[in-house]
Structure formats: C-alpha cells, structure tokens
Amino acid sequence: MRKSFYHFLMKYRHPEPKDAISRFANDAFEDHSFPKTFEDYNELSSYLELNGHYLESMAVFDEAWQEYLLSEK
C-alpha cells in the first residue's frame, strides 16, 4: 500500500533541521491542518500555495515530491 506524502515527509523531521526538506517536515508536522492522507500532487500543491506560508519555496515541495515518487517505486 502506498504511503501518504505526509507519512513519507515525516521521516525527514529533525530537532535541528539542516536542510530545507527537514524544515518543511518540521513545519508540516506543526501544521495541524496539513492534509495527512493526500497522495495527489495537485491537491497538496494547492493546499501549500494557500496555507504553506512556512514553506520557503514551492521548489522545496517539488524536490520532496520527487523523493516521494522515487520511494514509492
């Protein structure tokens, strides 16, 4: 069964984030409205464009999404 993007992203959580994806993971964890079950790029992208003020750039999401796709192969 495929993991949700959120579940995948949580493996990057770190108490002292050293990169943008770790910061994204920490912030997504703190975002109690984050769509934890979504697996669709467009739905997640729309959510983050409207609510992801903590995301320094959508490029960070795109990079994390590519890692997610690779992990799910």
PDB file of N, CA and C in Angstrom:
ATOM      1  N   MET A   1       0.839  -1.189   0.000  1.00  0.00           N
ATOM      2  CA  MET A   1       0.000   0.000   0.000  1.00  0.00           C
ATOM      3  C   MET A   1       0.883   1.251   0.000  1.00  0.00           C
ATOM      4  N   ARG A   2       0.462   2.233  -0.729  1.00  0.00           N
ATOM      5  CA  ARG A   2       1.223   3.477  -0.852  1.00  0.00           C
ATOM      6  C   ARG A   2       1.087   4.325   0.408  1.00  0.00           C
ATOM      7  N   LYS A   3       2.194   4.884   0.843  1.00  0.00           N
ATOM      8  CA  LYS A   3       2.186   5.806   1.978  1.00  0.00           C
ATOM      9  C   LYS A   3       1.707   7.172   1.496  1.00  0.00           C
ATOM     10  N   SER A   4       1.085   7.915   2.383  1.00  0.00           N
ATOM     11  CA  SER A   4       0.733   9.288   2.045  1.00  0.00           C
ATOM     12  C   SER A   4       2.019  10.116   1.983  1.00  0.00           C
ATOM     13  N   PHE A   5       1.938  11.244   1.311  1.00  0.00           N
ATOM     14  CA  PHE A   5       3.092  12.139   1.231  1.00  0.00           C
ATOM     15  C   PHE A   5       3.506  12.592   2.634  1.00  0.00           C
ATOM     16  N   TYR A   6       2.527  12.907   3.459  1.00  0.00           N
ATOM     17  CA  TYR A   6       2.822  13.356   4.824  1.00  0.00           C
ATOM     18  C   TYR A   6       3.615  12.285   5.583  1.00  0.00           C
ATOM     19  N   HIS A   7       3.159  11.043   5.489  1.00  0.00           N
ATOM     20  CA  HIS A   7       3.851   9.944   6.174  1.00  0.00           C
ATOM     21  C   HIS A   7       5.302   9.845   5.685  1.00  0.00           C
ATOM     22  N   PHE A   8       5.487   9.961   4.378  1.00  0.00           N
ATOM     23  CA  PHE A   8       6.833   9.953   3.797  1.00  0.00           C
ATOM     24  C   PHE A   8       7.658  11.125   4.343  1.00  0.00           C
ATOM     25  N   LEU A   9       7.065  12.314   4.340  1.00  0.00           N
ATOM     26  CA  LEU A   9       7.783  13.527   4.736  1.00  0.00           C
ATOM     27  C   LEU A   9       8.255  13.463   6.185  1.00  0.00           C
ATOM     28  N   MET A  10       7.510  12.775   7.032  1.00  0.00           N
ATOM     29  CA  MET A  10       7.845  12.744   8.455  1.00  0.00           C
ATOM     30  C   MET A  10       9.183  12.059   8.737  1.00  0.00           C
ATOM     31  N   LYS A  11       9.679  11.259   7.806  1.00  0.00           N
ATOM     32  CA  LYS A  11      10.991  10.652   8.040  1.00  0.00           C
ATOM     33  C   LYS A  11      12.113  11.696   7.983  1.00  0.00           C
ATOM     34  N   TYR A  12      11.816  12.893   7.488  1.00  0.00           N
ATOM     35  CA  TYR A  12      12.797  13.980   7.413  1.00  0.00           C
ATOM     36  C   TYR A  12      12.755  14.915   8.621  1.00  0.00           C
ATOM     37  N   ARG A  13      11.819  14.678   9.547  1.00  0.00           N
ATOM     38  CA  ARG A  13      11.767  15.536  10.738  1.00  0.00           C
ATOM     39  C   ARG A  13      13.066  15.406  11.508  1.00  0.00           C
ATOM     40  N   HIS A  14      13.522  16.548  12.021  1.00  0.00           N
ATOM     41  CA  HIS A  14      14.781  16.547  12.756  1.00  0.00           C
ATOM     42  C   HIS A  14      14.740  17.685  13.772  1.00  0.00           C
ATOM     43  N   PRO A  15      15.198  17.445  14.997  1.00  0.00           N
ATOM     44  CA  PRO A  15      15.173  18.516  16.000  1.00  0.00           C
ATOM     45  C   PRO A  15      16.028  19.724  15.615  1.00  0.00           C
ATOM     46  N   GLU A  16      17.063  19.483  14.820  1.00  0.00           N
ATOM     47  CA  GLU A  16      17.902  20.583  14.341  1.00  0.00           C
ATOM     48  C   GLU A  16      18.026  20.463  12.826  1.00  0.00           C
ATOM     49  N   PRO A  17      16.980  20.898  12.114  1.00  0.00           N
ATOM     50  CA  PRO A  17      16.973  20.698  10.660  1.00  0.00           C
ATOM     51  C   PRO A  17      18.167  21.367   9.981  1.00  0.00           C
ATOM     52  N   LYS A  18      18.794  20.628   9.078  1.00  0.00           N
ATOM     53  CA  LYS A  18      19.987  21.129   8.405  1.00  0.00           C
ATOM     54  C   LYS A  18      19.722  21.446   6.931  1.00  0.00           C
ATOM     55  N   ASP A  19      18.501  21.152   6.474  1.00  0.00           N
ATOM     56  CA  ASP A  19      18.190  21.460   5.076  1.00  0.00           C
ATOM     57  C   ASP A  19      16.720  21.847   4.952  1.00  0.00           C
ATOM     58  N   ALA A  20      16.361  22.301   3.761  1.00  0.00           N
ATOM     59  CA  ALA A  20      15.015  22.832   3.534  1.00  0.00           C
ATOM     60  C   ALA A  20      13.938  21.759   3.690  1.00  0.00           C
ATOM     61  N   ILE A  21      14.217  20.535   3.285  1.00  0.00           N
ATOM     62  CA  ILE A  21      13.199  19.485   3.400  1.00  0.00           C
ATOM     63  C   ILE A  21      12.958  19.148   4.876  1.00  0.00           C
ATOM     64  N   SER A  22      13.993  19.141   5.680  1.00  0.00           N
ATOM     65  CA  SER A  22      13.809  18.901   7.116  1.00  0.00           C
ATOM     66  C   SER A  22      13.004  20.021   7.764  1.00  0.00           C
ATOM     67  N   ARG A  23      13.272  21.260   7.374  1.00  0.00           N
ATOM     68  CA  ARG A  23      12.476  22.380   7.902  1.00  0.00           C
ATOM     69  C   ARG A  23      11.021  22.233   7.462  1.00  0.00           C
ATOM     70  N   PHE A  24      10.801  21.864   6.197  1.00  0.00           N
ATOM     71  CA  PHE A  24       9.458  21.635   5.676  1.00  0.00           C
ATOM     72  C   PHE A  24       8.762  20.539   6.489  1.00  0.00           C
ATOM     73  N   ALA A  25       9.448  19.445   6.750  1.00  0.00           N
ATOM     74  CA  ALA A  25       8.859  18.340   7.522  1.00  0.00           C
ATOM     75  C   ALA A  25       8.471  18.800   8.924  1.00  0.00           C
ATOM     76  N   ASN A  26       9.358  19.537   9.579  1.00  0.00           N
ATOM     77  CA  ASN A  26       9.062  20.038  10.918  1.00  0.00           C
ATOM     78  C   ASN A  26       7.842  20.958  10.894  1.00  0.00           C
ATOM     79  N   ASP A  27       7.797  21.848   9.915  1.00  0.00           N
ATOM     80  CA  ASP A  27       6.683  22.798   9.825  1.00  0.00           C
ATOM     81  C   ASP A  27       5.378  22.095   9.461  1.00  0.00           C
ATOM     82  N   ALA A  28       5.441  21.112   8.578  1.00  0.00           N
ATOM     83  CA  ALA A  28       4.234  20.357   8.210  1.00  0.00           C
ATOM     84  C   ALA A  28       3.697  19.613   9.434  1.00  0.00           C
ATOM     85  N   PHE A  29       4.594  19.105  10.261  1.00  0.00           N
ATOM     86  CA  PHE A  29       4.191  18.422  11.490  1.00  0.00           C
ATOM     87  C   PHE A  29       3.423  19.373  12.411  1.00  0.00           C
ATOM     88  N   GLU A  30       3.874  20.623  12.478  1.00  0.00           N
ATOM     89  CA  GLU A  30       3.232  21.629  13.329  1.00  0.00           C
ATOM     90  C   GLU A  30       1.933  22.162  12.714  1.00  0.00           C
ATOM     91  N   ASP A  31       1.747  21.964  11.408  1.00  0.00           N
ATOM     92  CA  ASP A  31       0.548  22.429  10.693  1.00  0.00           C
ATOM     93  C   ASP A  31      -0.559  21.395  10.893  1.00  0.00           C
ATOM     94  N   HIS A  32      -1.425  21.648  11.862  1.00  0.00           N
ATOM     95  CA  HIS A  32      -2.443  20.663  12.220  1.00  0.00           C
ATOM     96  C   HIS A  32      -3.509  20.488  11.144  1.00  0.00           C
ATOM     97  N   SER A  33      -3.535  21.369  10.160  1.00  0.00           N
ATOM     98  CA  SER A  33      -4.481  21.245   9.045  1.00  0.00           C
ATOM     99  C   SER A  33      -3.864  20.545   7.837  1.00  0.00           C
ATOM    100  N   PHE A  34      -2.573  20.233   7.908  1.00  0.00           N
ATOM    101  CA  PHE A  34      -1.908  19.612   6.755  1.00  0.00           C
ATOM    102  C   PHE A  34      -2.672  18.352   6.353  1.00  0.00           C
ATOM    103  N   PRO A  35      -2.934  18.199   5.048  1.00  0.00           N
ATOM    104  CA  PRO A  35      -3.689  17.024   4.581  1.00  0.00           C
ATOM    105  C   PRO A  35      -2.856  15.739   4.687  1.00  0.00           C
ATOM    106  N   LYS A  36      -2.996  15.063   5.785  1.00  0.00           N
ATOM    107  CA  LYS A  36      -2.127  13.928   6.110  1.00  0.00           C
ATOM    108  C   LYS A  36      -2.360  12.689   5.254  1.00  0.00           C
ATOM    109  N   THR A  37      -3.500  12.607   4.585  1.00  0.00           N
ATOM    110  CA  THR A  37      -3.795  11.402   3.805  1.00  0.00           C
ATOM    111  C   THR A  37      -3.632  11.609   2.302  1.00  0.00           C
ATOM    112  N   PHE A  38      -3.320  12.823   1.865  1.00  0.00           N
ATOM    113  CA  PHE A  38      -3.246  13.109   0.427  1.00  0.00           C
ATOM    114  C   PHE A  38      -2.057  12.418  -0.224  1.00  0.00           C
ATOM    115  N   GLU A  39      -2.288  11.947  -1.444  1.00  0.00           N
ATOM    116  CA  GLU A  39      -1.240  11.334  -2.262  1.00  0.00           C
ATOM    117  C   GLU A  39      -1.162  11.995  -3.632  1.00  0.00           C
ATOM    118  N   ASP A  40      -1.943  13.064  -3.823  1.00  0.00           N
ATOM    119  CA  ASP A  40      -2.037  13.701  -5.129  1.00  0.00           C
ATOM    120  C   ASP A  40      -1.261  15.018  -5.149  1.00  0.00           C
ATOM    121  N   TYR A  41      -0.388  15.147  -6.136  1.00  0.00           N
ATOM    122  CA  TYR A  41       0.464  16.337  -6.241  1.00  0.00           C
ATOM    123  C   TYR A  41      -0.360  17.619  -6.307  1.00  0.00           C
ATOM    124  N   ASN A  42      -1.378  17.635  -7.164  1.00  0.00           N
ATOM    125  CA  ASN A  42      -2.152  18.868  -7.366  1.00  0.00           C
ATOM    126  C   ASN A  42      -2.900  19.289  -6.109  1.00  0.00           C
ATOM    127  N   GLU A  43      -3.459  18.321  -5.390  1.00  0.00           N
ATOM    128  CA  GLU A  43      -4.162  18.654  -4.145  1.00  0.00           C
ATOM    129  C   GLU A  43      -3.197  19.208  -3.104  1.00  0.00           C
ATOM    130  N   LEU A  44      -2.052  18.566  -2.967  1.00  0.00           N
ATOM    131  CA  LEU A  44      -1.056  19.036  -1.994  1.00  0.00           C
ATOM    132  C   LEU A  44      -0.501  20.397  -2.396  1.00  0.00           C
ATOM    133  N   SER A  45      -0.211  20.565  -3.671  1.00  0.00           N
ATOM    134  CA  SER A  45       0.322  21.828  -4.160  1.00  0.00           C
ATOM    135  C   SER A  45      -0.666  22.964  -3.898  1.00  0.00           C
ATOM    136  N   SER A  46      -1.939  22.722  -4.177  1.00  0.00           N
ATOM    137  CA  SER A  46      -2.967  23.750  -3.930  1.00  0.00           C
ATOM    138  C   SER A  46      -3.041  24.097  -2.451  1.00  0.00           C
ATOM    139  N   TYR A  47      -3.016  23.076  -1.600  1.00  0.00           N
ATOM    140  CA  TYR A  47      -3.051  23.328  -0.164  1.00  0.00           C
ATOM    141  C   TYR A  47      -1.868  24.196   0.262  1.00  0.00           C
ATOM    142  N   LEU A  48      -0.677  23.821  -0.189  1.00  0.00           N
ATOM    143  CA  LEU A  48       0.524  24.552   0.231  1.00  0.00           C
ATOM    144  C   LEU A  48       0.562  25.969  -0.325  1.00  0.00           C
ATOM    145  N   GLU A  49       0.061  26.164  -1.540  1.00  0.00           N
ATOM    146  CA  GLU A  49       0.036  27.519  -2.099  1.00  0.00           C
ATOM    147  C   GLU A  49      -0.860  28.428  -1.268  1.00  0.00           C
ATOM    148  N   LEU A  50      -1.929  27.881  -0.704  1.00  0.00           N
ATOM    149  CA  LEU A  50      -2.861  28.679   0.097  1.00  0.00           C
ATOM    150  C   LEU A  50      -2.481  28.744   1.567  1.00  0.00           C
ATOM    151  N   ASN A  51      -1.845  27.695   2.090  1.00  0.00           N
ATOM    152  CA  ASN A  51      -1.626  27.588   3.538  1.00  0.00           C
ATOM    153  C   ASN A  51      -0.179  27.375   3.952  1.00  0.00           C
ATOM    154  N   GLY A  52       0.698  27.160   3.006  1.00  0.00           N
ATOM    155  CA  GLY A  52       2.070  26.819   3.341  1.00  0.00           C
ATOM    156  C   GLY A  52       2.986  28.013   3.480  1.00  0.00           C
ATOM    157  N   HIS A  53       2.530  29.001   4.253  1.00  0.00           N
ATOM    158  CA  HIS A  53       3.337  30.210   4.460  1.00  0.00           C
ATOM    159  C   HIS A  53       4.716  29.890   5.038  1.00  0.00           C
ATOM    160  N   TYR A  54       4.831  28.750   5.694  1.00  0.00           N
ATOM    161  CA  TYR A  54       6.106  28.341   6.297  1.00  0.00           C
ATOM    162  C   TYR A  54       7.078  27.757   5.274  1.00  0.00           C
ATOM    163  N   LEU A  55       6.592  27.452   4.086  1.00  0.00           N
ATOM    164  CA  LEU A  55       7.435  26.840   3.055  1.00  0.00           C
ATOM    165  C   LEU A  55       8.228  27.940   2.354  1.00  0.00           C
ATOM    166  N   GLU A  56       9.559  27.849   2.422  1.00  0.00           N
ATOM    167  CA  GLU A  56      10.376  28.938   1.868  1.00  0.00           C
ATOM    168  C   GLU A  56      10.248  29.061   0.350  1.00  0.00           C
ATOM    169  N   SER A  57       9.920  27.948  -0.312  1.00  0.00           N
ATOM    170  CA  SER A  57       9.740  27.953  -1.765  1.00  0.00           C
ATOM    171  C   SER A  57       8.984  26.693  -2.167  1.00  0.00           C
ATOM    172  N   MET A  58       8.135  26.804  -3.168  1.00  0.00           N
ATOM    173  CA  MET A  58       7.443  25.611  -3.660  1.00  0.00           C
ATOM    174  C   MET A  58       8.443  24.622  -4.259  1.00  0.00           C
ATOM    175  N   ALA A  59       9.634  25.097  -4.601  1.00  0.00           N
ATOM    176  CA  ALA A  59      10.673  24.192  -5.115  1.00  0.00           C
ATOM    177  C   ALA A  59      11.042  23.145  -4.063  1.00  0.00           C
ATOM    178  N   VAL A  60      10.932  23.490  -2.789  1.00  0.00           N
ATOM    179  CA  VAL A  60      11.221  22.536  -1.716  1.00  0.00           C
ATOM    180  C   VAL A  60      10.178  21.417  -1.755  1.00  0.00           C
ATOM    181  N   PHE A  61       8.918  21.790  -1.927  1.00  0.00           N
ATOM    182  CA  PHE A  61       7.874  20.783  -2.055  1.00  0.00           C
ATOM    183  C   PHE A  61       8.124  19.911  -3.281  1.00  0.00           C
ATOM    184  N   ASP A  62       8.467  20.535  -4.403  1.00  0.00           N
ATOM    185  CA  ASP A  62       8.725  19.767  -5.630  1.00  0.00           C
ATOM    186  C   ASP A  62       9.861  18.765  -5.438  1.00  0.00           C
ATOM    187  N   GLU A  63      10.910  19.188  -4.759  1.00  0.00           N
ATOM    188  CA  GLU A  63      12.042  18.287  -4.501  1.00  0.00           C
ATOM    189  C   GLU A  63      11.607  17.125  -3.604  1.00  0.00           C
ATOM    190  N   ALA A  64      10.853  17.449  -2.553  1.00  0.00           N
ATOM    191  CA  ALA A  64      10.365  16.403  -1.649  1.00  0.00           C
ATOM    192  C   ALA A  64       9.414  15.463  -2.388  1.00  0.00           C
ATOM    193  N   TRP A  65       8.600  16.018  -3.285  1.00  0.00           N
ATOM    194  CA  TRP A  65       7.669  15.194  -4.062  1.00  0.00           C
ATOM    195  C   TRP A  65       8.431  14.201  -4.945  1.00  0.00           C
ATOM    196  N   GLN A  66       9.505  14.652  -5.563  1.00  0.00           N
ATOM    197  CA  GLN A  66      10.306  13.753  -6.402  1.00  0.00           C
ATOM    198  C   GLN A  66      10.894  12.616  -5.567  1.00  0.00           C
ATOM    199  N   GLU A  67      11.359  12.930  -4.370  1.00  0.00           N
ATOM    200  CA  GLU A  67      11.873  11.897  -3.464  1.00  0.00           C
ATOM    201  C   GLU A  67      10.760  10.916  -3.089  1.00  0.00           C
ATOM    202  N   TYR A  68       9.573  11.454  -2.851  1.00  0.00           N
ATOM    203  CA  TYR A  68       8.410  10.622  -2.520  1.00  0.00           C
ATOM    204  C   TYR A  68       8.117   9.648  -3.664  1.00  0.00           C
ATOM    205  N   LEU A  69       8.090  10.160  -4.889  1.00  0.00           N
ATOM    206  CA  LEU A  69       7.802   9.294  -6.041  1.00  0.00           C
ATOM    207  C   LEU A  69       8.857   8.195  -6.177  1.00  0.00           C
ATOM    208  N   LEU A  70      10.110   8.545  -5.975  1.00  0.00           N
ATOM    209  CA  LEU A  70      11.179   7.548  -6.060  1.00  0.00           C
ATOM    210  C   LEU A  70      11.034   6.486  -4.977  1.00  0.00           C
ATOM    211  N   SER A  71      10.629   6.894  -3.802  1.00  0.00           N
ATOM    212  CA  SER A  71      10.499   5.949  -2.685  1.00  0.00           C
ATOM    213  C   SER A  71       9.325   5.007  -2.881  1.00  0.00           C
ATOM    214  N   GLU A  72       8.366   5.412  -3.679  1.00  0.00           N
ATOM    215  CA  GLU A  72       7.160   4.609  -3.858  1.00  0.00           C
ATOM    216  C   GLU A  72       7.257   3.654  -5.048  1.00  0.00           C
ATOM    217  N   LYS A  73       8.374   3.671  -5.752  1.00  0.00           N
ATOM    218  CA  LYS A  73       8.532   2.766  -6.918  1.00  0.00           C
ATOM    219  C   LYS A  73       8.833   1.362  -6.480  1.00  0.00           C
TER     220      LYS A  73
END
